[in-house]
C-alpha cells in the first residue's frame, strides 16, 4: 500500500452478520393447512371423525398465522363433513334399518 500522503489507511467497517433462523413468512402452519385439506376431503367422503380433524387442523393453521386458501378450504370441507355426519346419524335414528332383512336378501 502506497502511503506517501502520511494518511492513515482506510478501513471499512463490515456490516454485522444477520442470522435469520425464523421460518419464512407464510410457512408457519403450512403442514397443518395441507392436512386440513386432506382430512376435509376425507371427511366429505367418509362423513366422520376426519371432518372433525379437518376443523381442528384448519383452526390450528389459522392460529399459527397461515392465511392460505388451503386452511380455509379445509375448514369449510370439515364443517360440511360434520353436517353430513350429523344428518346421517339423525337419519339412521329416525329410520332404523332392519339388518336381518338386508342380510336375508343377500343369502
N, C-alpha and C. Protein backbone atom coordinates (compact mmCIF):
# COMPACT_ATOMS: atom_id res chain seq x y z
N UNK A 1 0.84 -1.16 0.00
CA UNK A 1 0.00 0.00 0.00
C UNK A 1 0.89 1.24 0.00
N UNK A 2 0.61 2.09 -0.87
CA UNK A 2 1.42 3.31 -1.01
C UNK A 2 0.87 4.36 -0.06
N UNK A 3 1.67 4.74 0.94
CA UNK A 3 1.23 5.69 1.95
C UNK A 3 2.14 6.92 1.90
N UNK A 4 2.17 7.57 0.75
CA UNK A 4 3.05 8.73 0.58
C UNK A 4 2.44 10.00 1.13
N UNK A 5 1.16 10.04 1.40
CA UNK A 5 0.50 11.26 1.89
C UNK A 5 0.51 11.34 3.41
N UNK A 6 1.08 10.37 4.06
CA UNK A 6 1.09 10.28 5.52
C UNK A 6 -0.33 10.23 6.10
N UNK A 7 -1.23 9.60 5.39
CA UNK A 7 -2.59 9.43 5.88
C UNK A 7 -2.74 8.03 6.44
N UNK A 8 -3.60 7.91 7.37
CA UNK A 8 -3.89 6.59 7.94
C UNK A 8 -4.61 5.75 6.89
N UNK A 9 -4.33 4.47 6.86
CA UNK A 9 -5.02 3.62 5.89
C UNK A 9 -6.53 3.57 6.19
N UNK A 10 -7.31 3.49 5.14
CA UNK A 10 -8.78 3.47 5.27
C UNK A 10 -9.25 2.03 5.50
N UNK A 11 -9.95 1.82 6.57
CA UNK A 11 -10.56 0.53 6.85
C UNK A 11 -12.07 0.73 6.87
N UNK A 12 -12.75 -0.13 6.17
CA UNK A 12 -14.21 -0.03 6.10
C UNK A 12 -14.83 -1.00 7.09
N UNK A 13 -15.84 -0.53 7.78
CA UNK A 13 -16.50 -1.36 8.77
C UNK A 13 -17.38 -2.37 8.06
N UNK A 14 -17.20 -3.61 8.44
CA UNK A 14 -18.01 -4.69 7.86
C UNK A 14 -19.40 -4.66 8.50
N UNK A 15 -20.42 -4.91 7.71
CA UNK A 15 -21.76 -4.95 8.30
C UNK A 15 -21.89 -6.16 9.23
N UNK A 16 -22.67 -6.01 10.26
CA UNK A 16 -22.87 -7.10 11.21
C UNK A 16 -23.63 -8.23 10.52
N UNK A 17 -23.23 -9.47 10.80
CA UNK A 17 -23.93 -10.59 10.16
C UNK A 17 -25.36 -10.70 10.71
N UNK A 18 -26.24 -11.06 9.84
CA UNK A 18 -27.63 -11.25 10.26
C UNK A 18 -27.94 -12.73 10.20
N UNK A 19 -28.57 -13.21 11.22
CA UNK A 19 -28.95 -14.62 11.29
C UNK A 19 -30.46 -14.68 11.31
N UNK A 20 -31.01 -15.29 10.30
CA UNK A 20 -32.46 -15.41 10.21
C UNK A 20 -32.83 -16.86 10.43
N UNK A 21 -33.09 -17.20 11.68
CA UNK A 21 -33.48 -18.57 12.00
C UNK A 21 -34.98 -18.73 12.02
N UNK A 22 -35.70 -17.67 11.76
CA UNK A 22 -37.15 -17.75 11.76
C UNK A 22 -37.62 -18.44 10.48
N UNK A 23 -38.78 -19.04 10.57
CA UNK A 23 -39.38 -19.65 9.39
C UNK A 23 -39.80 -18.54 8.43
N UNK A 24 -39.72 -18.79 7.15
CA UNK A 24 -40.18 -17.77 6.20
C UNK A 24 -41.65 -17.44 6.45
N UNK A 25 -41.99 -16.20 6.18
CA UNK A 25 -43.37 -15.78 6.44
C UNK A 25 -44.33 -16.56 5.56
N UNK A 26 -45.43 -16.95 6.14
CA UNK A 26 -46.43 -17.72 5.41
C UNK A 26 -46.19 -19.21 5.46
N UNK A 27 -45.03 -19.64 5.98
CA UNK A 27 -44.73 -21.07 6.04
C UNK A 27 -45.23 -21.70 7.33
N UNK A 28 -45.48 -20.89 8.35
CA UNK A 28 -45.95 -21.45 9.61
C UNK A 28 -47.37 -21.98 9.43
N UNK A 29 -47.59 -23.19 9.86
CA UNK A 29 -48.90 -23.78 9.75
C UNK A 29 -49.22 -24.35 8.38
N UNK A 30 -48.22 -24.40 7.48
CA UNK A 30 -48.49 -24.90 6.14
C UNK A 30 -48.81 -26.40 6.17
N UNK A 31 -48.09 -27.14 7.01
CA UNK A 31 -48.35 -28.58 7.11
C UNK A 31 -49.76 -28.83 7.63
N UNK A 32 -50.14 -28.07 8.65
CA UNK A 32 -51.50 -28.24 9.18
C UNK A 32 -52.55 -27.86 8.15
N UNK A 33 -52.26 -26.85 7.33
CA UNK A 33 -53.23 -26.44 6.30
C UNK A 33 -53.39 -27.53 5.25
N UNK A 34 -52.29 -28.16 4.86
CA UNK A 34 -52.37 -29.24 3.87
C UNK A 34 -53.14 -30.42 4.44
N UNK A 35 -52.83 -30.78 5.69
CA UNK A 35 -53.55 -31.90 6.30
C UNK A 35 -55.02 -31.56 6.57
N UNK A 36 -55.31 -30.30 6.81
CA UNK A 36 -56.71 -29.89 6.97
C UNK A 36 -57.47 -30.11 5.67
N UNK A 37 -56.84 -29.79 4.55
CA UNK A 37 -57.48 -30.02 3.25
C UNK A 37 -57.69 -31.50 3.00
N UNK A 38 -56.66 -32.31 3.26
CA UNK A 38 -56.75 -33.76 3.02
C UNK A 38 -57.83 -34.38 3.90
N UNK A 39 -57.81 -34.06 5.19
CA UNK A 39 -58.82 -34.64 6.08
C UNK A 39 -60.21 -34.06 5.81
N UNK A 40 -60.28 -32.85 5.30
CA UNK A 40 -61.57 -32.28 4.90
C UNK A 40 -62.18 -33.04 3.75
N UNK A 41 -61.35 -33.40 2.77
CA UNK A 41 -61.84 -34.20 1.64
C UNK A 41 -62.28 -35.58 2.13
N UNK A 42 -61.47 -36.19 3.00
CA UNK A 42 -61.86 -37.49 3.55
C UNK A 42 -63.12 -37.37 4.41
N UNK A 43 -63.29 -36.24 5.08
CA UNK A 43 -64.48 -36.03 5.88
C UNK A 43 -65.74 -35.94 5.05
N UNK A 44 -65.62 -35.38 3.85
CA UNK A 44 -66.77 -35.33 2.93
C UNK A 44 -67.09 -36.74 2.43
N UNK A 45 -66.06 -37.50 2.10
CA UNK A 45 -66.27 -38.84 1.56
C UNK A 45 -66.77 -39.79 2.65
N UNK A 46 -66.14 -39.76 3.80
CA UNK A 46 -66.45 -40.70 4.87
C UNK A 46 -67.48 -40.18 5.87
N UNK A 47 -67.68 -38.88 5.93
CA UNK A 47 -68.62 -38.25 6.87
C UNK A 47 -68.38 -38.72 8.29
N UNK A 48 -67.24 -38.45 8.82
CA UNK A 48 -66.97 -38.91 10.16
C UNK A 48 -65.91 -38.11 10.87
N UNK A 49 -65.13 -38.80 11.68
CA UNK A 49 -64.12 -38.13 12.50
C UNK A 49 -63.07 -37.37 11.69
N UNK A 50 -62.90 -37.71 10.44
CA UNK A 50 -61.95 -36.96 9.60
C UNK A 50 -62.40 -35.51 9.46
N UNK A 51 -63.68 -35.27 9.44
CA UNK A 51 -64.19 -33.90 9.33
C UNK A 51 -63.87 -33.10 10.58
N UNK A 52 -63.96 -33.74 11.73
CA UNK A 52 -63.61 -33.07 12.98
C UNK A 52 -62.12 -32.75 12.99
N UNK A 53 -61.30 -33.71 12.53
CA UNK A 53 -59.86 -33.48 12.46
C UNK A 53 -59.53 -32.33 11.51
N UNK A 54 -60.28 -32.21 10.41
CA UNK A 54 -60.05 -31.12 9.46
C UNK A 54 -60.32 -29.77 10.11
N UNK A 55 -61.37 -29.69 10.90
CA UNK A 55 -61.68 -28.42 11.57
C UNK A 55 -60.57 -28.07 12.56
N UNK A 56 -60.13 -29.05 13.33
CA UNK A 56 -59.08 -28.79 14.33
C UNK A 56 -57.79 -28.37 13.64
N UNK A 57 -57.40 -29.06 12.57
CA UNK A 57 -56.16 -28.72 11.87
C UNK A 57 -56.25 -27.35 11.20
N UNK A 58 -57.39 -27.03 10.64
CA UNK A 58 -57.55 -25.73 9.97
C UNK A 58 -57.49 -24.59 10.97
N UNK A 59 -58.12 -24.76 12.12
CA UNK A 59 -58.07 -23.72 13.14
C UNK A 59 -56.64 -23.57 13.67
N UNK A 60 -55.94 -24.68 13.84
CA UNK A 60 -54.54 -24.62 14.28
C UNK A 60 -53.68 -23.87 13.27
N UNK A 61 -53.88 -24.17 11.99
CA UNK A 61 -53.11 -23.48 10.95
C UNK A 61 -53.42 -21.99 10.93
N UNK A 62 -54.68 -21.65 11.08
CA UNK A 62 -55.06 -20.23 11.09
C UNK A 62 -54.47 -19.51 12.31
N UNK A 63 -54.44 -20.18 13.46
CA UNK A 63 -53.87 -19.57 14.66
C UNK A 63 -52.37 -19.36 14.54
N UNK A 64 -51.71 -20.18 13.72
CA UNK A 64 -50.27 -20.02 13.51
C UNK A 64 -49.97 -18.93 12.49
N UNK A 65 -50.99 -18.33 11.93
CA UNK A 65 -50.79 -17.22 11.01
C UNK A 65 -50.85 -17.60 9.55
N UNK A 66 -51.24 -18.81 9.24
CA UNK A 66 -51.34 -19.22 7.85
C UNK A 66 -52.61 -18.64 7.26
N UNK A 67 -52.47 -17.87 6.20
CA UNK A 67 -53.63 -17.24 5.57
C UNK A 67 -53.90 -17.81 4.18
N UNK A 68 -53.42 -19.04 3.96
CA UNK A 68 -53.60 -19.63 2.64
C UNK A 68 -55.01 -20.16 2.48
N UNK A 69 -55.35 -20.41 1.25
CA UNK A 69 -56.68 -20.94 0.94
C UNK A 69 -56.80 -22.40 1.37
N UNK A 70 -55.67 -23.09 1.55
CA UNK A 70 -55.72 -24.49 1.95
C UNK A 70 -56.42 -24.65 3.30
N UNK A 71 -56.05 -23.80 4.25
CA UNK A 71 -56.67 -23.89 5.57
C UNK A 71 -58.15 -23.52 5.51
N UNK A 72 -58.48 -22.53 4.72
CA UNK A 72 -59.88 -22.10 4.62
C UNK A 72 -60.74 -23.18 3.97
N UNK A 73 -60.24 -23.78 2.90
CA UNK A 73 -60.99 -24.84 2.23
C UNK A 73 -61.10 -26.06 3.14
N UNK A 74 -60.02 -26.38 3.86
CA UNK A 74 -60.07 -27.49 4.81
C UNK A 74 -61.11 -27.26 5.89
N UNK A 75 -61.20 -26.02 6.37
CA UNK A 75 -62.19 -25.68 7.39
C UNK A 75 -63.61 -25.82 6.85
N UNK A 76 -63.84 -25.31 5.65
CA UNK A 76 -65.18 -25.39 5.04
C UNK A 76 -65.56 -26.85 4.78
N UNK A 77 -64.63 -27.64 4.24
CA UNK A 77 -64.93 -29.05 3.98
C UNK A 77 -65.16 -29.81 5.29
N UNK A 78 -64.42 -29.45 6.33
CA UNK A 78 -64.63 -30.09 7.63
C UNK A 78 -66.00 -29.78 8.19
N UNK A 79 -66.43 -28.55 8.05
CA UNK A 79 -67.77 -28.18 8.54
C UNK A 79 -68.85 -28.92 7.74
N UNK A 80 -68.68 -28.96 6.41
CA UNK A 80 -69.66 -29.68 5.58
C UNK A 80 -69.68 -31.16 5.95
N UNK A 81 -68.50 -31.75 6.16
CA UNK A 81 -68.42 -33.16 6.55
C UNK A 81 -69.11 -33.43 7.88
N UNK A 82 -68.94 -32.52 8.84
CA UNK A 82 -69.61 -32.67 10.15
C UNK A 82 -71.13 -32.57 10.00
N UNK A 83 -71.58 -31.64 9.17
CA UNK A 83 -73.02 -31.50 8.95
C UNK A 83 -73.59 -32.77 8.31
N UNK A 84 -72.89 -33.31 7.32
CA UNK A 84 -73.35 -34.55 6.68
C UNK A 84 -73.34 -35.71 7.67
N UNK A 85 -72.34 -35.74 8.54
CA UNK A 85 -72.24 -36.79 9.55
C UNK A 85 -73.44 -36.73 10.50
N UNK A 86 -73.77 -35.53 10.97
CA UNK A 86 -74.91 -35.36 11.88
C UNK A 86 -76.21 -35.71 11.17
N UNK A 87 -76.36 -35.30 9.91
CA UNK A 87 -77.56 -35.64 9.15
C UNK A 87 -77.68 -37.16 9.01
N UNK A 88 -76.58 -37.84 8.75
CA UNK A 88 -76.59 -39.29 8.64
C UNK A 88 -76.98 -39.97 9.94
N UNK A 89 -76.47 -39.45 11.05
CA UNK A 89 -76.82 -40.02 12.35
C UNK A 89 -78.31 -39.82 12.63
N UNK A 90 -78.82 -38.63 12.38
CA UNK A 90 -80.24 -38.35 12.61
C UNK A 90 -81.11 -39.23 11.70
N UNK A 91 -80.71 -39.38 10.45
CA UNK A 91 -81.48 -40.21 9.52
C UNK A 91 -81.54 -41.67 10.00
N UNK A 92 -80.41 -42.17 10.50
CA UNK A 92 -80.39 -43.56 10.98
C UNK A 92 -81.17 -43.74 12.27
N UNK A 93 -81.28 -42.69 13.07
CA UNK A 93 -82.09 -42.78 14.29
C UNK A 93 -83.57 -42.76 13.93
N UNK A 94 -83.94 -41.89 12.99
CA UNK A 94 -85.35 -41.76 12.61
C UNK A 94 -85.81 -42.97 11.80
N UNK A 95 -84.97 -43.46 10.92
CA UNK A 95 -85.32 -44.60 10.06
C UNK A 95 -84.39 -45.77 10.36
N UNK A 96 -84.66 -46.51 11.42
CA UNK A 96 -83.77 -47.63 11.74
C UNK A 96 -83.86 -48.70 10.66
N UNK A 97 -82.74 -49.30 10.38
CA UNK A 97 -82.67 -50.30 9.34
C UNK A 97 -82.76 -51.68 9.98
N UNK A 98 -83.57 -52.54 9.38
CA UNK A 98 -83.65 -53.92 9.85
C UNK A 98 -82.55 -54.71 9.15
N UNK A 99 -81.45 -54.92 9.87
CA UNK A 99 -80.28 -55.57 9.26
C UNK A 99 -80.55 -57.03 8.92
N UNK A 100 -81.44 -57.68 9.65
CA UNK A 100 -81.76 -59.07 9.34
C UNK A 100 -82.42 -59.18 7.97
N UNK A 101 -83.25 -58.20 7.63
CA UNK A 101 -83.90 -58.20 6.33
C UNK A 101 -82.88 -58.00 5.20
N UNK A 102 -81.93 -57.13 5.43
CA UNK A 102 -80.89 -56.87 4.42
C UNK A 102 -80.03 -58.10 4.24
N UNK A 103 -79.66 -58.75 5.33
CA UNK A 103 -78.81 -59.96 5.24
C UNK A 103 -79.56 -61.08 4.56
N UNK A 104 -80.86 -61.20 4.82
CA UNK A 104 -81.63 -62.28 4.18
C UNK A 104 -81.77 -62.05 2.68
N UNK A 105 -81.69 -60.82 2.22
CA UNK A 105 -81.76 -60.56 0.78
C UNK A 105 -80.52 -61.06 0.06
N UNK A 106 -79.38 -61.04 0.74
CA UNK A 106 -78.13 -61.46 0.10
C UNK A 106 -77.84 -62.93 0.29
N UNK A 107 -78.60 -63.64 1.16
CA UNK A 107 -78.32 -65.04 1.36
C UNK A 107 -79.28 -65.94 0.62
